[in-house]
Amino acid sequence: MIESAERAVTASAVDLNGRSLVAWAGSIMAAVAVAMAAVALLLGPNWNLLWAASVLLVLALATGSVLRRLGYGHS
């Protein structure tokens, strides 16, 4: 029982979930896109800004996928 707890602690220390370039790039781009969409809807709605936010959100997903395939993420 103690050995399995030690393995769990060691495994969680090695797990770098959310601390990779892929996670940061995708999360920041998505957050900016959501903020842009919120501002666009508050402005009346501003359709050009809303479309730009949508494009940025799709680019955030594509960026995460491309960076992960290039090996910058953790498997």
PDB file of N, CA and C in Angstrom:
ATOM      1  N   MET A   1       0.816  -1.191   0.000  1.00  0.00           N
ATOM      2  CA  MET A   1       0.000   0.000   0.000  1.00  0.00           C
ATOM      3  C   MET A   1       0.861   1.258   0.000  1.00  0.00           C
ATOM      4  N   ILE A   2       1.901   1.276   0.801  1.00  0.00           N
ATOM      5  CA  ILE A   2       2.781   2.438   0.859  1.00  0.00           C
ATOM      6  C   ILE A   2       3.551   2.580  -0.442  1.00  0.00           C
ATOM      7  N   GLU A   3       3.942   1.450  -1.036  1.00  0.00           N
ATOM      8  CA  GLU A   3       4.681   1.519  -2.300  1.00  0.00           C
ATOM      9  C   GLU A   3       3.817   2.105  -3.406  1.00  0.00           C
ATOM     10  N   SER A   4       2.540   1.745  -3.457  1.00  0.00           N
ATOM     11  CA  SER A   4       1.673   2.296  -4.496  1.00  0.00           C
ATOM     12  C   SER A   4       1.452   3.794  -4.275  1.00  0.00           C
ATOM     13  N   ALA A   5       1.389   4.243  -3.020  1.00  0.00           N
ATOM     14  CA  ALA A   5       1.250   5.670  -2.741  1.00  0.00           C
ATOM     15  C   ALA A   5       2.507   6.417  -3.168  1.00  0.00           C
ATOM     16  N   GLU A   6       3.679   5.824  -2.934  1.00  0.00           N
ATOM     17  CA  GLU A   6       4.927   6.464  -3.360  1.00  0.00           C
ATOM     18  C   GLU A   6       5.001   6.541  -4.879  1.00  0.00           C
ATOM     19  N   ARG A   7       4.534   5.492  -5.561  1.00  0.00           N
ATOM     20  CA  ARG A   7       4.512   5.528  -7.026  1.00  0.00           C
ATOM     21  C   ARG A   7       3.554   6.598  -7.531  1.00  0.00           C
ATOM     22  N   ALA A   8       2.422   6.762  -6.873  1.00  0.00           N
ATOM     23  CA  ALA A   8       1.454   7.781  -7.285  1.00  0.00           C
ATOM     24  C   ALA A   8       2.035   9.174  -7.108  1.00  0.00           C
ATOM     25  N   VAL A   9       2.740   9.399  -6.015  1.00  0.00           N
ATOM     26  CA  VAL A   9       3.358  10.709  -5.794  1.00  0.00           C
ATOM     27  C   VAL A   9       4.445  10.964  -6.824  1.00  0.00           C
ATOM     28  N   THR A  10       5.252   9.947  -7.125  1.00  0.00           N
ATOM     29  CA  THR A  10       6.309  10.093  -8.119  1.00  0.00           C
ATOM     30  C   THR A  10       5.724  10.333  -9.503  1.00  0.00           C
ATOM     31  N   ALA A  11       4.658   9.610  -9.841  1.00  0.00           N
ATOM     32  CA  ALA A  11       4.037   9.779 -11.155  1.00  0.00           C
ATOM     33  C   ALA A  11       3.438  11.170 -11.292  1.00  0.00           C
ATOM     34  N   SER A  12       2.816  11.694 -10.225  1.00  0.00           N
ATOM     35  CA  SER A  12       2.219  13.018 -10.342  1.00  0.00           C
ATOM     36  C   SER A  12       3.286  14.108 -10.410  1.00  0.00           C
ATOM     37  N   ALA A  13       4.458  13.861  -9.818  1.00  0.00           N
ATOM     38  CA  ALA A  13       5.540  14.844  -9.901  1.00  0.00           C
ATOM     39  C   ALA A  13       6.110  14.899 -11.316  1.00  0.00           C
ATOM     40  N   VAL A  14       6.085  13.777 -12.019  1.00  0.00           N
ATOM     41  CA  VAL A  14       6.614  13.719 -13.383  1.00  0.00           C
ATOM     42  C   VAL A  14       5.586  14.242 -14.381  1.00  0.00           C
ATOM     43  N   ASP A  15       4.312  14.113 -14.069  1.00  0.00           N
ATOM     44  CA  ASP A  15       3.243  14.548 -14.960  1.00  0.00           C
ATOM     45  C   ASP A  15       3.278  16.067 -15.103  1.00  0.00           C
ATOM     46  N   LEU A  16       3.486  16.536 -16.319  1.00  0.00           N
ATOM     47  CA  LEU A  16       3.590  17.966 -16.577  1.00  0.00           C
ATOM     48  C   LEU A  16       2.362  18.488 -17.309  1.00  0.00           C
ATOM     49  N   ASN A  17       1.214  17.991 -16.929  1.00  0.00           N
ATOM     50  CA  ASN A  17      -0.021  18.372 -17.595  1.00  0.00           C
ATOM     51  C   ASN A  17      -0.259  19.875 -17.450  1.00  0.00           C
ATOM     52  N   GLY A  18      -0.367  20.556 -18.574  1.00  0.00           N
ATOM     53  CA  GLY A  18      -0.627  21.987 -18.558  1.00  0.00           C
ATOM     54  C   GLY A  18       0.610  22.852 -18.491  1.00  0.00           C
ATOM     55  N   ARG A  19       1.791  22.255 -18.489  1.00  0.00           N
ATOM     56  CA  ARG A  19       3.018  23.045 -18.385  1.00  0.00           C
ATOM     57  C   ARG A  19       3.863  22.934 -19.645  1.00  0.00           C
ATOM     58  N   SER A  20       3.225  22.800 -20.753  1.00  0.00           N
ATOM     59  CA  SER A  20       3.967  22.695 -22.005  1.00  0.00           C
ATOM     60  C   SER A  20       3.666  23.903 -22.875  1.00  0.00           C
ATOM     61  N   LEU A  21       4.483  24.094 -23.885  1.00  0.00           N
ATOM     62  CA  LEU A  21       4.280  25.191 -24.825  1.00  0.00           C
ATOM     63  C   LEU A  21       2.923  25.068 -25.508  1.00  0.00           C
ATOM     64  N   VAL A  22       2.518  23.848 -25.794  1.00  0.00           N
ATOM     65  CA  VAL A  22       1.233  23.626 -26.457  1.00  0.00           C
ATOM     66  C   VAL A  22       0.087  24.112 -25.583  1.00  0.00           C
ATOM     67  N   ALA A  23       0.122  23.764 -24.312  1.00  0.00           N
ATOM     68  CA  ALA A  23      -0.953  24.162 -23.406  1.00  0.00           C
ATOM     69  C   ALA A  23      -1.017  25.673 -23.254  1.00  0.00           C
ATOM     70  N   TRP A  24       0.135  26.307 -23.093  1.00  0.00           N
ATOM     71  CA  TRP A  24       0.150  27.759 -22.929  1.00  0.00           C
ATOM     72  C   TRP A  24      -0.313  28.469 -24.188  1.00  0.00           C
ATOM     73  N   ALA A  25       0.201  28.062 -25.331  1.00  0.00           N
ATOM     74  CA  ALA A  25      -0.152  28.741 -26.587  1.00  0.00           C
ATOM     75  C   ALA A  25      -1.642  28.604 -26.882  1.00  0.00           C
ATOM     76  N   GLY A  26      -2.145  27.397 -26.788  1.00  0.00           N
ATOM     77  CA  GLY A  26      -3.558  27.184 -27.076  1.00  0.00           C
ATOM     78  C   GLY A  26      -4.475  27.880 -26.092  1.00  0.00           C
ATOM     79  N   SER A  27      -4.132  27.835 -24.817  1.00  0.00           N
ATOM     80  CA  SER A  27      -4.979  28.438 -23.787  1.00  0.00           C
ATOM     81  C   SER A  27      -5.008  29.959 -23.896  1.00  0.00           C
ATOM     82  N   ILE A  28      -3.860  30.560 -24.124  1.00  0.00           N
ATOM     83  CA  ILE A  28      -3.814  32.020 -24.223  1.00  0.00           C
ATOM     84  C   ILE A  28      -4.560  32.501 -25.466  1.00  0.00           C
ATOM     85  N   MET A  29      -4.353  31.817 -26.581  1.00  0.00           N
ATOM     86  CA  MET A  29      -5.063  32.217 -27.799  1.00  0.00           C
ATOM     87  C   MET A  29      -6.571  32.051 -27.632  1.00  0.00           C
ATOM     88  N   ALA A  30      -6.995  30.970 -27.007  1.00  0.00           N
ATOM     89  CA  ALA A  30      -8.429  30.747 -26.797  1.00  0.00           C
ATOM     90  C   ALA A  30      -9.010  31.784 -25.841  1.00  0.00           C
ATOM     91  N   ALA A  31      -8.261  32.142 -24.794  1.00  0.00           N
ATOM     92  CA  ALA A  31      -8.741  33.152 -23.852  1.00  0.00           C
ATOM     93  C   ALA A  31      -8.894  34.507 -24.526  1.00  0.00           C
ATOM     94  N   VAL A  32      -7.947  34.859 -25.377  1.00  0.00           N
ATOM     95  CA  VAL A  32      -8.040  36.127 -26.113  1.00  0.00           C
ATOM     96  C   VAL A  32      -9.235  36.097 -27.062  1.00  0.00           C
ATOM     97  N   ALA A  33      -9.475  34.959 -27.694  1.00  0.00           N
ATOM     98  CA  ALA A  33     -10.609  34.835 -28.611  1.00  0.00           C
ATOM     99  C   ALA A  33     -11.935  34.983 -27.869  1.00  0.00           C
ATOM    100  N   VAL A  34     -12.042  34.381 -26.693  1.00  0.00           N
ATOM    101  CA  VAL A  34     -13.281  34.497 -25.914  1.00  0.00           C
ATOM    102  C   VAL A  34     -13.472  35.932 -25.434  1.00  0.00           C
ATOM    103  N   ALA A  35     -12.401  36.584 -25.021  1.00  0.00           N
ATOM    104  CA  ALA A  35     -12.505  37.986 -24.605  1.00  0.00           C
ATOM    105  C   ALA A  35     -12.930  38.872 -25.769  1.00  0.00           C
ATOM    106  N   MET A  36     -12.366  38.618 -26.936  1.00  0.00           N
ATOM    107  CA  MET A  36     -12.757  39.388 -28.120  1.00  0.00           C
ATOM    108  C   MET A  36     -14.235  39.171 -28.447  1.00  0.00           C
ATOM    109  N   ALA A  37     -14.703  37.932 -28.337  1.00  0.00           N
ATOM    110  CA  ALA A  37     -16.107  37.644 -28.618  1.00  0.00           C
ATOM    111  C   ALA A  37     -17.016  38.338 -27.615  1.00  0.00           C
ATOM    112  N   ALA A  38     -16.605  38.372 -26.351  1.00  0.00           N
ATOM    113  CA  ALA A  38     -17.419  39.050 -25.334  1.00  0.00           C
ATOM    114  C   ALA A  38     -17.504  40.539 -25.618  1.00  0.00           C
ATOM    115  N   VAL A  39     -16.393  41.150 -25.971  1.00  0.00           N
ATOM    116  CA  VAL A  39     -16.391  42.578 -26.304  1.00  0.00           C
ATOM    117  C   VAL A  39     -17.236  42.832 -27.543  1.00  0.00           C
ATOM    118  N   ALA A  40     -17.128  41.944 -28.520  1.00  0.00           N
ATOM    119  CA  ALA A  40     -17.910  42.104 -29.753  1.00  0.00           C
ATOM    120  C   ALA A  40     -19.407  42.047 -29.461  1.00  0.00           C
ATOM    121  N   LEU A  41     -19.812  41.168 -28.573  1.00  0.00           N
ATOM    122  CA  LEU A  41     -21.233  41.077 -28.255  1.00  0.00           C
ATOM    123  C   LEU A  41     -21.696  42.254 -27.406  1.00  0.00           C
ATOM    124  N   LEU A  42     -20.828  42.785 -26.585  1.00  0.00           N
ATOM    125  CA  LEU A  42     -21.198  43.949 -25.775  1.00  0.00           C
ATOM    126  C   LEU A  42     -21.282  45.230 -26.597  1.00  0.00           C
ATOM    127  N   LEU A  43     -20.591  45.267 -27.706  1.00  0.00           N
ATOM    128  CA  LEU A  43     -20.582  46.470 -28.542  1.00  0.00           C
ATOM    129  C   LEU A  43     -21.748  46.520 -29.510  1.00  0.00           C
ATOM    130  N   GLY A  44     -22.652  45.604 -29.403  1.00  0.00           N
ATOM    131  CA  GLY A  44     -23.853  45.890 -30.117  1.00  0.00           C
ATOM    132  C   GLY A  44     -24.527  44.955 -31.059  1.00  0.00           C
ATOM    133  N   PRO A  45     -24.253  43.880 -31.503  1.00  0.00           N
ATOM    134  CA  PRO A  45     -23.022  43.101 -31.679  1.00  0.00           C
ATOM    135  C   PRO A  45     -22.190  43.590 -32.863  1.00  0.00           C
ATOM    136  N   ASN A  46     -20.908  43.557 -32.697  1.00  0.00           N
ATOM    137  CA  ASN A  46     -19.964  43.924 -33.751  1.00  0.00           C
ATOM    138  C   ASN A  46     -19.584  42.635 -34.484  1.00  0.00           C
ATOM    139  N   TRP A  47     -20.183  42.419 -35.643  1.00  0.00           N
ATOM    140  CA  TRP A  47     -20.026  41.143 -36.343  1.00  0.00           C
ATOM    141  C   TRP A  47     -18.611  40.925 -36.857  1.00  0.00           C
ATOM    142  N   ASN A  48     -17.918  41.969 -37.284  1.00  0.00           N
ATOM    143  CA  ASN A  48     -16.545  41.794 -37.770  1.00  0.00           C
ATOM    144  C   ASN A  48     -15.617  41.295 -36.658  1.00  0.00           C
ATOM    145  N   LEU A  49     -15.749  41.878 -35.488  1.00  0.00           N
ATOM    146  CA  LEU A  49     -14.933  41.456 -34.354  1.00  0.00           C
ATOM    147  C   LEU A  49     -15.312  40.050 -33.901  1.00  0.00           C
ATOM    148  N   LEU A  50     -16.583  39.726 -33.995  1.00  0.00           N
ATOM    149  CA  LEU A  50     -17.027  38.379 -33.621  1.00  0.00           C
ATOM    150  C   LEU A  50     -16.462  37.328 -34.581  1.00  0.00           C
ATOM    151  N   TRP A  51     -16.433  37.638 -35.869  1.00  0.00           N
ATOM    152  CA  TRP A  51     -15.842  36.709 -36.829  1.00  0.00           C
ATOM    153  C   TRP A  51     -14.333  36.581 -36.617  1.00  0.00           C
ATOM    154  N   ALA A  52     -13.675  37.680 -36.297  1.00  0.00           N
ATOM    155  CA  ALA A  52     -12.240  37.625 -36.016  1.00  0.00           C
ATOM    156  C   ALA A  52     -11.967  36.751 -34.784  1.00  0.00           C
ATOM    157  N   ALA A  53     -12.812  36.855 -33.771  1.00  0.00           N
ATOM    158  CA  ALA A  53     -12.665  36.006 -32.584  1.00  0.00           C
ATOM    159  C   ALA A  53     -12.879  34.540 -32.931  1.00  0.00           C
ATOM    160  N   SER A  54     -13.823  34.267 -33.808  1.00  0.00           N
ATOM    161  CA  SER A  54     -14.069  32.883 -34.233  1.00  0.00           C
ATOM    162  C   SER A  54     -12.868  32.313 -34.978  1.00  0.00           C
ATOM    163  N   VAL A  55     -12.290  33.116 -35.852  1.00  0.00           N
ATOM    164  CA  VAL A  55     -11.109  32.671 -36.596  1.00  0.00           C
ATOM    165  C   VAL A  55      -9.943  32.430 -35.641  1.00  0.00           C
ATOM    166  N   LEU A  56      -9.763  33.304 -34.662  1.00  0.00           N
ATOM    167  CA  LEU A  56      -8.687  33.131 -33.694  1.00  0.00           C
ATOM    168  C   LEU A  56      -8.890  31.872 -32.860  1.00  0.00           C
ATOM    169  N   LEU A  57     -10.129  31.550 -32.530  1.00  0.00           N
ATOM    170  CA  LEU A  57     -10.397  30.332 -31.773  1.00  0.00           C
ATOM    171  C   LEU A  57     -10.056  29.088 -32.595  1.00  0.00           C
ATOM    172  N   VAL A  58     -10.389  29.094 -33.861  1.00  0.00           N
ATOM    173  CA  VAL A  58     -10.027  27.964 -34.732  1.00  0.00           C
ATOM    174  C   VAL A  58      -8.510  27.872 -34.874  1.00  0.00           C
ATOM    175  N   LEU A  59      -7.840  29.017 -34.989  1.00  0.00           N
ATOM    176  CA  LEU A  59      -6.376  29.012 -35.068  1.00  0.00           C
ATOM    177  C   LEU A  59      -5.747  28.504 -33.774  1.00  0.00           C
ATOM    178  N   ALA A  60      -6.372  28.768 -32.634  1.00  0.00           N
ATOM    179  CA  ALA A  60      -5.865  28.255 -31.361  1.00  0.00           C
ATOM    180  C   ALA A  60      -5.908  26.733 -31.352  1.00  0.00           C
ATOM    181  N   LEU A  61      -6.987  26.166 -31.839  1.00  0.00           N
ATOM    182  CA  LEU A  61      -7.090  24.705 -31.914  1.00  0.00           C
ATOM    183  C   LEU A  61      -6.059  24.131 -32.883  1.00  0.00           C
ATOM    184  N   ALA A  62      -5.896  24.786 -34.026  1.00  0.00           N
ATOM    185  CA  ALA A  62      -4.922  24.317 -35.011  1.00  0.00           C
ATOM    186  C   ALA A  62      -3.500  24.458 -34.481  1.00  0.00           C
ATOM    187  N   THR A  63      -3.215  25.545 -33.784  1.00  0.00           N
ATOM    188  CA  THR A  63      -1.878  25.749 -33.221  1.00  0.00           C
ATOM    189  C   THR A  63      -1.535  24.655 -32.218  1.00  0.00           C
ATOM    190  N   GLY A  64      -2.487  24.333 -31.352  1.00  0.00           N
ATOM    191  CA  GLY A  64      -2.257  23.260 -30.389  1.00  0.00           C
ATOM    192  C   GLY A  64      -1.988  21.933 -31.057  1.00  0.00           C
ATOM    193  N   SER A  65      -2.738  21.635 -32.088  1.00  0.00           N
ATOM    194  CA  SER A  65      -2.550  20.370 -32.802  1.00  0.00           C
ATOM    195  C   SER A  65      -1.198  20.325 -33.514  1.00  0.00           C
ATOM    196  N   VAL A  66      -0.837  21.404 -34.185  1.00  0.00           N
ATOM    197  CA  VAL A  66       0.430  21.448 -34.926  1.00  0.00           C
ATOM    198  C   VAL A  66       1.623  21.374 -33.964  1.00  0.00           C
ATOM    199  N   LEU A  67       1.579  22.139 -32.886  1.00  0.00           N
ATOM    200  CA  LEU A  67       2.690  22.109 -31.930  1.00  0.00           C
ATOM    201  C   LEU A  67       2.821  20.745 -31.263  1.00  0.00           C
ATOM    202  N   ARG A  68       1.703  20.104 -30.976  1.00  0.00           N
ATOM    203  CA  ARG A  68       1.760  18.771 -30.378  1.00  0.00           C
ATOM    204  C   ARG A  68       2.405  17.776 -31.343  1.00  0.00           C
ATOM    205  N   ARG A  69       2.062  17.873 -32.606  1.00  0.00           N
ATOM    206  CA  ARG A  69       2.652  16.951 -33.591  1.00  0.00           C
ATOM    207  C   ARG A  69       4.122  17.236 -33.854  1.00  0.00           C
ATOM    208  N   LEU A  70       4.539  18.473 -33.626  1.00  0.00           N
ATOM    209  CA  LEU A  70       5.966  18.815 -33.786  1.00  0.00           C
ATOM    210  C   LEU A  70       6.793  18.383 -32.576  1.00  0.00           C
ATOM    211  N   GLY A  71       6.106  17.942 -31.519  1.00  0.00           N
ATOM    212  CA  GLY A  71       6.820  17.400 -30.377  1.00  0.00           C
ATOM    213  C   GLY A  71       7.001  18.344 -29.217  1.00  0.00           C
ATOM    214  N   TYR A  72       6.288  19.471 -29.220  1.00  0.00           N
ATOM    215  CA  TYR A  72       6.409  20.425 -28.123  1.00  0.00           C
ATOM    216  C   TYR A  72       5.510  20.101 -26.930  1.00  0.00           C
ATOM    217  N   GLY A  73       4.543  19.216 -27.116  1.00  0.00           N
ATOM    218  CA  GLY A  73       3.667  18.824 -26.022  1.00  0.00           C
ATOM    219  C   GLY A  73       4.191  17.576 -25.336  1.00  0.00           C
ATOM    220  N   HIS A  74       3.508  17.188 -24.273  1.00  0.00           N
ATOM    221  CA  HIS A  74       3.874  15.976 -23.544  1.00  0.00           C
ATOM    222  C   HIS A  74       2.886  14.895 -23.911  1.00  0.00           C
ATOM    223  N   SER A  75       3.397  13.685 -24.082  1.00  0.00           N
ATOM    224  CA  SER A  75       2.512  12.584 -24.445  1.00  0.00           C
ATOM    225  C   SER A  75       1.930  11.926 -23.227  1.00  0.00           C
TER     226      SER A  75
END
